[in-house]
Amino acid sequence: MVTIVVRYFASARAAAGVDEEKVSLPDGARVADAVARLRELHPEKLPKLLEAVSYLLDGVAVRDLTRPLTEAAELDVLPPFAGG
């Protein structure tokens, strides 16, 4: 198993109902697996929002959801921001 820390920001925090949480996944898990698990953990409001969010993995933008996760990695969930 690998355990990561997921941090939620702005409307993602409101949808999840927590600022952050630890999520355990099988060895070899990827960002997409974490996203699927988040949908299961917060089925009421978060799944729809996850379609539009961006992710940071250990502070680096993730565009490829097949990136592998490592123990104690931090996955930030960032909703779209308006403004300029």
Protein backbone atom coordinates (compact mmCIF):
# COMPACT_ATOMS: atom_id res chain seq x y z
CA MET A 1 0.00 0.00 0.00
CA VAL A 2 0.97 3.60 -0.59
CA THR A 3 -0.51 6.43 1.46
CA ILE A 4 -0.70 9.94 0.04
CA VAL A 5 -1.91 13.25 1.41
CA VAL A 6 -4.65 14.93 -0.62
CA ARG A 7 -5.11 18.66 -0.06
CA TYR A 8 -8.24 20.45 -1.25
CA PHE A 9 -8.48 24.13 -2.12
CA ALA A 10 -11.38 26.59 -2.49
CA SER A 11 -14.53 24.93 -3.89
CA ALA A 12 -12.83 21.51 -3.85
CA ARG A 13 -12.44 21.91 -0.08
CA ALA A 14 -16.12 22.76 0.24
CA ALA A 15 -17.14 19.78 -1.91
CA ALA A 16 -14.94 17.32 0.00
CA GLY A 17 -15.82 18.76 3.39
CA VAL A 18 -12.19 18.55 4.58
CA ASP A 19 -8.99 20.55 4.06
CA GLU A 20 -6.88 17.45 3.60
CA GLU A 21 -6.93 13.73 4.14
CA LYS A 22 -4.72 10.68 3.89
CA VAL A 23 -5.70 8.19 1.20
CA SER A 24 -4.32 4.66 0.97
CA LEU A 25 -4.00 3.00 -2.42
CA PRO A 26 -2.47 -0.23 -3.72
CA ASP A 27 1.21 -0.29 -4.63
CA GLY A 28 1.70 0.90 -8.19
CA ALA A 29 -1.22 3.32 -7.98
CA ARG A 30 -1.28 6.31 -10.28
CA VAL A 31 -2.87 9.74 -10.06
CA ALA A 32 -5.94 8.42 -11.92
CA ASP A 33 -6.38 5.77 -9.22
CA ALA A 34 -6.29 8.45 -6.54
CA VAL A 35 -8.89 10.51 -8.42
CA ALA A 36 -11.15 7.44 -8.68
CA ARG A 37 -10.78 6.88 -4.93
CA LEU A 38 -11.68 10.52 -4.21
CA ARG A 39 -14.87 10.07 -6.22
CA GLU A 40 -15.74 7.10 -3.98
CA LEU A 41 -14.88 8.90 -0.74
CA HIS A 42 -16.95 12.00 -1.54
CA PRO A 43 -19.70 10.86 -3.93
CA GLU A 44 -22.18 13.69 -3.40
CA LYS A 45 -20.41 16.86 -4.55
CA LEU A 46 -16.81 16.13 -5.50
CA PRO A 47 -17.14 13.90 -8.62
CA LYS A 48 -18.60 16.64 -10.81
CA LEU A 49 -15.96 19.12 -9.68
CA LEU A 50 -13.15 16.62 -10.37
CA GLU A 51 -13.98 16.88 -14.07
CA ALA A 52 -12.70 20.48 -14.12
CA VAL A 53 -9.90 20.61 -11.53
CA SER A 54 -6.14 20.74 -11.90
CA TYR A 55 -3.73 18.66 -9.85
CA LEU A 56 -0.32 19.29 -8.38
CA LEU A 57 1.75 16.29 -7.37
CA ASP A 58 4.42 17.31 -4.88
CA GLY A 59 4.09 20.88 -6.13
CA VAL A 60 4.37 20.07 -9.85
CA ALA A 61 1.42 20.39 -12.26
CA VAL A 62 0.05 17.03 -13.40
CA ARG A 63 -1.28 16.68 -16.90
CA ASP A 64 -0.66 12.97 -17.24
CA LEU A 65 -2.89 11.08 -14.80
CA THR A 66 -0.85 7.93 -15.35
CA ARG A 67 1.98 9.36 -13.24
CA PRO A 68 2.82 6.95 -10.42
CA LEU A 69 2.30 7.85 -6.79
CA THR A 70 4.94 7.39 -4.12
CA GLU A 71 4.58 7.01 -0.37
CA ALA A 72 3.71 10.31 1.38
CA ALA A 73 3.22 12.17 -1.92
CA GLU A 74 1.07 15.29 -1.76
CA LEU A 75 -1.72 15.62 -4.31
CA ASP A 76 -3.31 19.06 -4.42
CA VAL A 77 -6.79 19.44 -5.91
CA LEU A 78 -7.19 22.92 -7.44
CA PRO A 79 -10.55 24.00 -8.85
CA PRO A 80 -10.65 26.43 -11.76
CA PHE A 81 -9.99 29.98 -10.66
CA ALA A 82 -11.59 33.04 -12.21
CA GLY A 83 -9.96 36.38 -12.55
CA GLY A 84 -6.72 37.62 -13.94
